[in-house]
Protein backbone atom coordinates (compact mmCIF):
# COMPACT_ATOMS: atom_id res chain seq x y z
CA MET A 1 5.30 21.34 -14.73
CA ALA A 2 8.99 21.44 -14.86
CA LYS A 3 10.46 18.75 -16.78
CA GLN A 4 12.26 17.83 -13.71
CA VAL A 5 9.98 16.99 -10.53
CA GLY A 6 11.30 18.45 -7.06
CA ILE A 7 10.29 15.60 -4.28
CA GLY A 8 10.13 16.37 -0.69
CA ILE A 9 10.46 13.22 1.58
CA ILE A 10 8.83 13.73 4.63
CA GLY A 11 9.46 10.67 7.33
CA CYS A 12 13.11 9.35 7.00
CA GLY A 13 12.52 5.51 8.30
CA LYS A 14 13.29 2.11 6.77
CA ILE A 15 10.62 2.43 3.69
CA SER A 16 12.25 5.99 3.05
CA GLU A 17 15.36 3.96 1.28
CA PHE A 18 13.23 2.25 -0.87
CA HIS A 19 11.23 5.33 -2.14
CA ALA A 20 14.44 7.16 -2.37
CA SER A 21 16.17 4.69 -4.78
CA GLY A 22 13.22 4.91 -6.86
CA TYR A 23 13.38 9.05 -7.48
CA LEU A 24 17.20 8.59 -7.46
CA ALA A 25 17.01 5.61 -10.45
CA MET A 26 15.36 8.44 -12.74
CA PRO A 27 17.29 11.82 -12.35
CA GLU A 28 15.82 12.92 -15.86
CA LYS A 29 12.09 12.83 -14.00
CA ALA A 30 12.68 13.59 -10.73
CA ARG A 31 15.09 15.01 -7.65
CA ILE A 32 15.00 14.89 -4.18
CA VAL A 33 15.16 18.23 -3.32
CA ALA A 34 14.59 18.07 0.85
CA ALA A 35 14.19 15.31 3.68
CA SER A 36 12.23 16.05 6.94
CA ASP A 37 11.82 14.09 10.05
CA ALA A 38 11.40 14.47 13.65
CA VAL A 39 14.58 13.27 14.21
CA VAL A 40 16.65 15.65 12.50
CA GLN A 41 19.76 13.93 12.43
CA LEU A 42 17.93 11.04 10.73
CA ALA A 43 16.93 13.89 8.09
CA GLU A 44 20.35 15.41 7.79
CA ASP A 45 22.17 11.95 6.90
CA LYS A 46 19.39 10.84 4.61
CA ALA A 47 19.34 14.00 2.77
CA LYS A 48 23.36 14.00 2.60
CA LYS A 49 22.85 10.22 1.36
CA TRP A 50 20.21 11.03 -1.21
CA GLY A 51 21.87 14.16 -2.51
CA ALA A 52 18.98 16.70 -1.50
CA GLU A 53 20.00 20.16 -0.96
CA SER A 54 18.15 20.46 2.72
CA TYR A 55 16.81 18.69 5.79
CA TYR A 56 14.40 19.54 8.36
CA SER A 57 13.01 18.43 11.65
CA ASP A 58 9.40 20.37 11.04
CA TYR A 59 7.92 19.17 7.73
CA ARG A 60 6.05 22.88 7.36
CA LYS A 61 9.13 24.11 6.55
CA LEU A 62 9.77 22.02 3.87
CA LEU A 63 6.45 22.20 2.36
CA GLN A 64 7.14 26.51 2.22
CA ARG A 65 9.88 25.80 -0.80
CA GLU A 66 9.00 26.58 -3.94
CA ASP A 67 11.05 24.21 -5.76
CA ILE A 68 9.20 21.00 -4.24
CA ASP A 69 6.71 19.80 -6.65
CA ALA A 70 5.52 16.77 -4.63
CA VAL A 71 5.97 14.95 -1.19
CA ASP A 72 6.45 11.57 -0.38
CA ILE A 73 4.58 11.21 3.16
CA LEU A 74 6.27 8.48 4.97
CA VAL A 75 5.50 9.29 8.41
CA PRO A 76 3.29 7.45 11.13
CA HIS A 77 -0.34 6.38 10.06
CA SER A 78 -2.24 9.03 12.63
CA ILE A 79 -0.42 11.81 11.17
CA HIS A 80 -0.88 11.02 7.15
CA ALA A 81 -3.57 13.33 7.16
CA GLU A 82 -2.19 16.53 8.91
CA VAL A 83 0.68 16.50 6.80
CA ALA A 84 -1.25 15.71 3.54
CA ILE A 85 -3.68 18.68 4.23
CA SER A 86 -1.01 20.71 4.75
CA ALA A 87 0.56 19.62 1.70
CA ALA A 88 -2.55 20.13 -0.41
CA GLU A 89 -2.86 23.57 0.76
CA THR A 90 0.59 24.50 -0.26
CA GLY A 91 0.17 23.43 -3.62
CA LYS A 92 2.32 20.10 -3.57
CA HIS A 93 0.98 16.68 -5.31
CA ILE A 94 0.82 13.87 -2.91
CA LEU A 95 2.20 9.80 -2.58
CA CYS A 96 1.06 8.77 0.65
CA GLU A 97 2.09 5.25 1.92
CA LYS A 98 -0.76 3.08 3.18
CA PRO A 99 -2.85 2.93 4.97
CA LEU A 100 -4.16 6.57 3.45
CA ALA A 101 -5.42 7.38 7.43
CA THR A 102 -6.42 5.58 10.31
CA THR A 103 -10.05 7.00 10.22
CA ILE A 104 -12.65 7.40 7.35
CA GLU A 105 -13.09 11.13 8.46
CA ASP A 106 -9.44 11.75 7.83
CA ALA A 107 -9.36 9.93 4.49
CA ASP A 108 -12.15 12.17 3.37
CA LYS A 109 -10.40 15.43 4.70
CA MET A 110 -7.24 14.41 2.69
CA ILE A 111 -9.38 13.78 -0.76
CA SER A 112 -11.45 16.76 -0.17
CA ALA A 113 -8.41 19.13 0.16
CA ALA A 114 -6.69 17.22 -2.67
CA LYS A 115 -10.05 18.48 -5.06
CA GLN A 116 -9.68 22.01 -3.57
CA HIS A 117 -6.42 22.47 -4.59
CA ASN A 118 -6.20 20.27 -7.71
CA ILE A 119 -3.87 18.37 -6.26
CA LYS A 120 -2.93 14.65 -7.25
CA LEU A 121 -3.41 11.98 -4.28
CA MET A 122 -1.95 8.73 -4.75
CA THR A 123 -2.44 5.84 -2.05
CA GLY A 124 1.01 3.94 -1.87
CA PHE A 125 -0.12 0.41 -2.82
CA ASN A 126 2.99 -1.05 -4.30
CA TYR A 127 1.60 -4.64 -4.73
CA ARG A 128 -0.37 -3.46 -7.91
CA PHE A 129 3.10 -2.56 -9.48
CA LYS A 130 4.61 -6.53 -8.60
CA LEU A 131 4.96 -7.89 -11.64
CA GLN A 132 3.21 -10.93 -11.05
CA HIS A 133 0.18 -9.17 -9.79
CA MET A 134 0.12 -7.15 -13.11
CA ARG A 135 0.39 -10.39 -14.84
CA THR A 136 -2.47 -11.80 -12.84
CA LYS A 137 -4.85 -8.84 -13.52
CA GLU A 138 -4.29 -9.46 -17.29
CA VAL A 139 -5.28 -13.14 -16.83
CA ILE A 140 -8.10 -12.57 -15.15
CA ASP A 141 -9.39 -9.85 -17.69
CA GLU A 142 -8.46 -11.50 -20.56
CA GLY A 143 -10.90 -14.63 -19.00
CA THR A 144 -7.92 -17.13 -18.79
CA ILE A 145 -9.27 -18.72 -15.83
CA GLY A 146 -13.03 -17.95 -16.30
CA THR A 147 -15.12 -16.37 -13.39
CA VAL A 148 -13.22 -15.66 -10.24
CA TYR A 149 -15.42 -17.11 -7.36
CA LEU A 150 -12.82 -17.64 -4.50
CA ALA A 151 -9.69 -15.76 -3.29
CA LYS A 152 -7.41 -16.53 -1.00
CA GLY A 153 -4.52 -13.99 0.60
CA GLU A 154 -1.85 -15.15 3.27
CA GLY A 155 1.02 -12.91 4.72
CA LEU A 156 2.75 -14.46 7.43
CA GLY A 157 5.69 -13.29 9.19
CA TRP A 158 7.39 -12.43 12.62
CA SER A 159 7.63 -8.59 13.68
CA ASP A 160 9.14 -7.34 16.48
CA TYR A 161 9.38 -3.74 17.69
CA PRO A 162 10.51 -1.72 20.38
CA ALA A 163 8.26 -0.76 23.36
CA ASP A 164 7.95 2.84 22.10
CA SER A 165 7.71 2.00 18.61
CA TRP A 166 4.67 3.99 16.94
CA ARG A 167 3.75 0.84 14.78
CA ILE A 168 2.47 -1.34 18.46
CA SER A 169 0.59 1.87 19.47
CA LEU A 170 -3.07 1.81 18.74
CA SER A 171 -3.65 5.52 18.57
CA GLN A 172 -0.58 6.38 16.11
CA ALA A 173 -0.97 2.88 13.77
CA GLY A 174 -4.80 2.75 14.04
CA GLY A 175 -4.47 -1.16 14.23
CA GLY A 176 -1.65 -4.06 13.99
CA THR A 177 -0.81 -6.45 11.08
CA LEU A 178 -4.22 -6.28 9.29
CA ILE A 179 -4.13 -2.01 8.87
CA GLY A 180 -0.09 -2.27 8.28
CA HIS A 181 0.45 -5.27 6.04
CA GLY A 182 -3.33 -6.92 5.21
CA ILE A 183 -4.32 -3.79 3.78
CA HIS A 184 -2.33 -4.37 0.70
CA LEU A 185 -4.32 -7.51 0.04
CA ALA A 186 -7.64 -5.66 0.14
CA ASP A 187 -6.39 -3.30 -2.29
CA LEU A 188 -4.95 -6.03 -4.35
CA PHE A 189 -8.38 -8.13 -4.29
CA ARG A 190 -10.42 -5.23 -5.21
CA TRP A 191 -8.36 -4.33 -8.16
CA LEU A 192 -7.95 -8.08 -9.43
CA ILE A 193 -11.61 -8.89 -8.53
CA GLY A 194 -14.13 -6.08 -7.72
CA GLU A 195 -15.55 -4.02 -4.98
CA VAL A 196 -16.56 -6.03 -1.54
CA LYS A 197 -20.12 -6.05 -0.12
CA GLU A 198 -19.36 -7.16 3.45
CA VAL A 199 -16.61 -8.02 5.69
CA TYR A 200 -16.13 -10.65 8.83
CA GLY A 201 -13.42 -10.08 10.77
CA ILE A 202 -11.28 -11.63 13.39
CA ALA A 203 -8.09 -9.78 15.51
CA GLU A 204 -6.35 -11.16 18.12
CA ASN A 205 -2.72 -10.51 20.04
CA VAL A 206 -1.28 -14.10 20.27
CA ALA A 207 2.54 -13.36 20.78
CA HIS A 208 3.11 -10.00 21.65
CA LYS A 209 0.95 -9.00 24.68
CA ALA A 210 2.73 -6.09 25.53
CA TRP A 211 1.02 -4.76 22.09
CA GLU A 212 -1.81 -2.76 21.55
CA VAL A 213 -2.80 -3.76 18.58
CA GLU A 214 -3.14 -7.35 17.09
CA ASP A 215 -0.46 -9.50 15.83
CA ASN A 216 -3.06 -11.77 14.08
CA ALA A 217 -6.09 -10.96 12.00
CA LEU A 218 -8.34 -13.03 9.65
CA ALA A 219 -11.08 -10.74 7.11
CA ILE A 220 -13.64 -12.54 5.09
CA LEU A 221 -14.68 -10.69 2.17
CA ARG A 222 -18.10 -10.89 0.17
CA PHE A 223 -17.92 -9.40 -3.15
CA LYS A 224 -20.55 -7.68 -4.69
CA ASN A 225 -20.37 -9.77 -7.69
CA GLY A 226 -20.77 -13.01 -5.77
CA ALA A 227 -17.00 -14.11 -5.15
CA LEU A 228 -15.61 -15.03 -1.55
CA GLY A 229 -12.41 -14.03 -0.28
CA TYR A 230 -10.11 -14.19 2.69
CA ILE A 231 -7.21 -12.31 3.86
CA ILE A 232 -4.83 -13.69 7.05
CA SER A 233 -2.10 -11.11 8.28
CA VAL A 234 0.41 -12.37 10.70
CA SER A 235 3.20 -10.98 12.54
CA SER A 236 3.67 -14.13 15.13
CA GLU A 237 4.74 -16.70 13.03
CA LYS A 238 8.47 -17.74 13.84
CA ASN A 239 9.90 -17.17 10.74
CA PRO A 240 12.49 -14.35 9.75
CA TYR A 241 10.66 -13.85 6.29
CA LEU A 242 7.84 -13.01 5.08
CA ASP A 243 5.45 -16.17 3.79
CA GLU A 244 3.36 -14.46 1.72
CA ARG A 245 0.79 -16.38 -0.91
CA ILE A 246 -2.26 -15.50 -2.99
CA LYS A 247 -4.46 -17.93 -4.91
CA ILE A 248 -7.51 -17.22 -6.90
CA TYR A 249 -9.85 -19.53 -8.01
CA GLY A 250 -11.78 -19.53 -11.44
CA THR A 251 -14.32 -21.26 -13.19
CA LYS A 252 -11.50 -22.22 -15.87
CA GLY A 253 -8.41 -22.26 -13.48
CA THR A 254 -6.24 -20.98 -11.14
CA VAL A 255 -3.84 -18.51 -10.59
CA VAL A 256 -0.93 -18.46 -7.47
CA THR A 257 1.59 -16.28 -6.64
CA ASP A 258 4.22 -16.61 -4.30
CA TRP A 259 6.01 -13.28 -2.27
CA ALA A 260 9.34 -14.65 -1.59
CA THR A 261 10.35 -16.33 -5.14
CA GLY A 262 8.20 -13.88 -7.39
CA LYS A 263 6.60 -17.05 -8.77
CA LEU A 264 3.31 -17.05 -10.88
CA GLU A 265 1.50 -20.08 -11.94
CA ILE A 266 -1.46 -20.06 -13.90
CA TYR A 267 -3.62 -23.34 -14.47
CA SER A 268 -6.39 -22.97 -17.25
CA ASP A 269 -7.90 -26.26 -18.96
CA GLU A 270 -9.51 -24.18 -21.45
CA ALA A 271 -7.02 -21.48 -22.39
CA PRO A 272 -4.81 -21.00 -25.54
CA GLU A 273 -2.72 -24.33 -26.16
CA SER A 274 0.41 -21.81 -25.19
CA LEU A 275 -1.43 -21.51 -21.82
CA ARG A 276 -3.22 -24.55 -21.17
CA GLY A 277 -2.16 -27.10 -18.17
CA TRP A 278 -0.15 -25.39 -15.59
CA THR A 279 2.61 -22.55 -16.72
CA SER A 280 4.94 -21.01 -14.69
CA PHE A 281 6.63 -17.58 -14.52
CA SER A 282 9.60 -16.62 -12.25
CA PHE A 283 9.92 -12.48 -11.75
CA GLY A 284 12.25 -12.48 -8.75
CA ASP A 285 11.93 -10.39 -5.87
CA GLN A 286 9.36 -7.89 -6.81
CA TRP A 287 9.73 -5.53 -3.16
CA LYS A 288 12.33 -2.74 -4.14
CA PRO A 289 11.48 -2.78 -8.13
CA SER A 290 7.64 -2.45 -7.31
CA ILE A 291 8.34 0.66 -5.15
CA ALA A 292 10.30 2.16 -7.65
CA ARG A 293 7.34 1.62 -10.37
CA GLU A 294 5.14 3.29 -8.06
CA VAL A 295 7.13 6.35 -7.59
CA GLU A 296 7.85 6.55 -11.22
CA HIS A 297 3.92 6.13 -12.17
CA PHE A 298 3.35 9.06 -9.46
CA VAL A 299 6.37 11.47 -11.14
CA ASP A 300 4.81 10.18 -14.59
CA CYS A 301 0.79 11.27 -13.32
CA ILE A 302 2.49 14.83 -12.37
CA ARG A 303 4.71 15.44 -15.71
CA GLU A 304 1.87 13.83 -17.67
CA ASP A 305 -0.78 15.51 -15.89
CA LYS A 306 -2.98 11.88 -15.47
CA GLU A 307 -4.80 10.10 -12.75
CA PRO A 308 -3.01 7.94 -10.55
CA LEU A 309 -3.88 4.26 -11.07
CA ILE A 310 -4.11 4.44 -7.02
CA THR A 311 -6.35 7.25 -6.18
CA GLY A 312 -7.07 8.57 -2.65
CA GLU A 313 -10.70 7.21 -2.86
CA ASP A 314 -8.99 3.73 -3.33
CA GLY A 315 -7.10 4.30 -0.24
CA LYS A 316 -10.46 5.17 1.62
CA THR A 317 -11.96 1.93 0.30
CA ALA A 318 -9.65 -0.62 1.26
CA LEU A 319 -9.01 1.60 4.87
CA GLN A 320 -12.87 0.99 4.83
CA ILE A 321 -12.28 -3.18 4.50
CA VAL A 322 -10.08 -2.92 7.15
CA LEU A 323 -11.86 -0.62 9.63
CA ALA A 324 -14.85 -3.12 8.97
CA ALA A 325 -12.87 -6.11 9.69
CA TYR A 326 -12.14 -4.57 13.23
CA GLN A 327 -15.61 -3.71 14.00
CA SER A 328 -16.56 -6.94 12.91
CA ALA A 329 -13.97 -8.55 15.24
CA LYS A 330 -15.50 -6.52 18.28
CA THR A 331 -19.40 -7.25 17.39
CA ARG A 332 -18.95 -10.68 15.97
CA LYS A 333 -21.14 -9.43 12.89
CA TRP A 334 -20.86 -8.83 9.18
CA ILE A 335 -20.32 -5.39 8.59
CA GLU A 336 -21.48 -3.61 5.29
CA ILE A 337 -19.16 -1.78 3.05
CA SER A 338 -21.16 1.34 2.26
């Protein structure tokens, strides 16, 4: 692999700015070669802004370039699989935004294509790269709060999309706030606590009656190790900012994180003296930095030929949790994760 990884960005919506800034911050490791978007003017504008050589309305033309080693897929959820499989077939490594796909069948096809063509497939769960979550992982693994028995994750805010937005189309998005945002917490809890055994879900549309997808969702998780958890994902709260908090309870203490402030608070009554009682850390806004760390990790995995921290299989498992919650919301039954 060349010292500098050639990147193609497929999908030039809002999130592409955060990904692009990550690549642009490490010119010694990567460069953006081309951009693609169905709205060709958007692709042209972004290509010029990012210093990319070319732009396309058809991503397939981007995939034919030999100077592109990897692609960053940022298109509507329902076509993640189509784009990723095409990318694998042309020998491009793949970073795919969450959710990996909208169906398990599509997720399996993506994973299979990547394996068949010896391609790295990474799912874009940037929450694992937030400093407060990375430190939380260390605290739990070190045993500072003992055995985890309960986890709470809440993400509440307001979303409003135009009537023609793909994000409110069930066929294009695969769901609403839970698959669009709550899936971050599903992956994060798996990483921090362990595998999920079964799920109970509730999904409703409260404030956006014209949407085909839910704006309120609750997923109750029972982990294989006996812990319990719940995820609340809401896009109907009259609040211009995302109000997100995670609280993890252990037999020896508690960990609390806050999205808006980047604060991490740890309580332990049995930790070493330096961490006993309440200890507070502030990491600031981690949204943009976490995506920069995510894309740098992706590039490093290509350059060093190593497995990504978050694989296609991880993306599939988080999707299983969300889809189980949707199934439960319809059947009013617990759904087991296979």
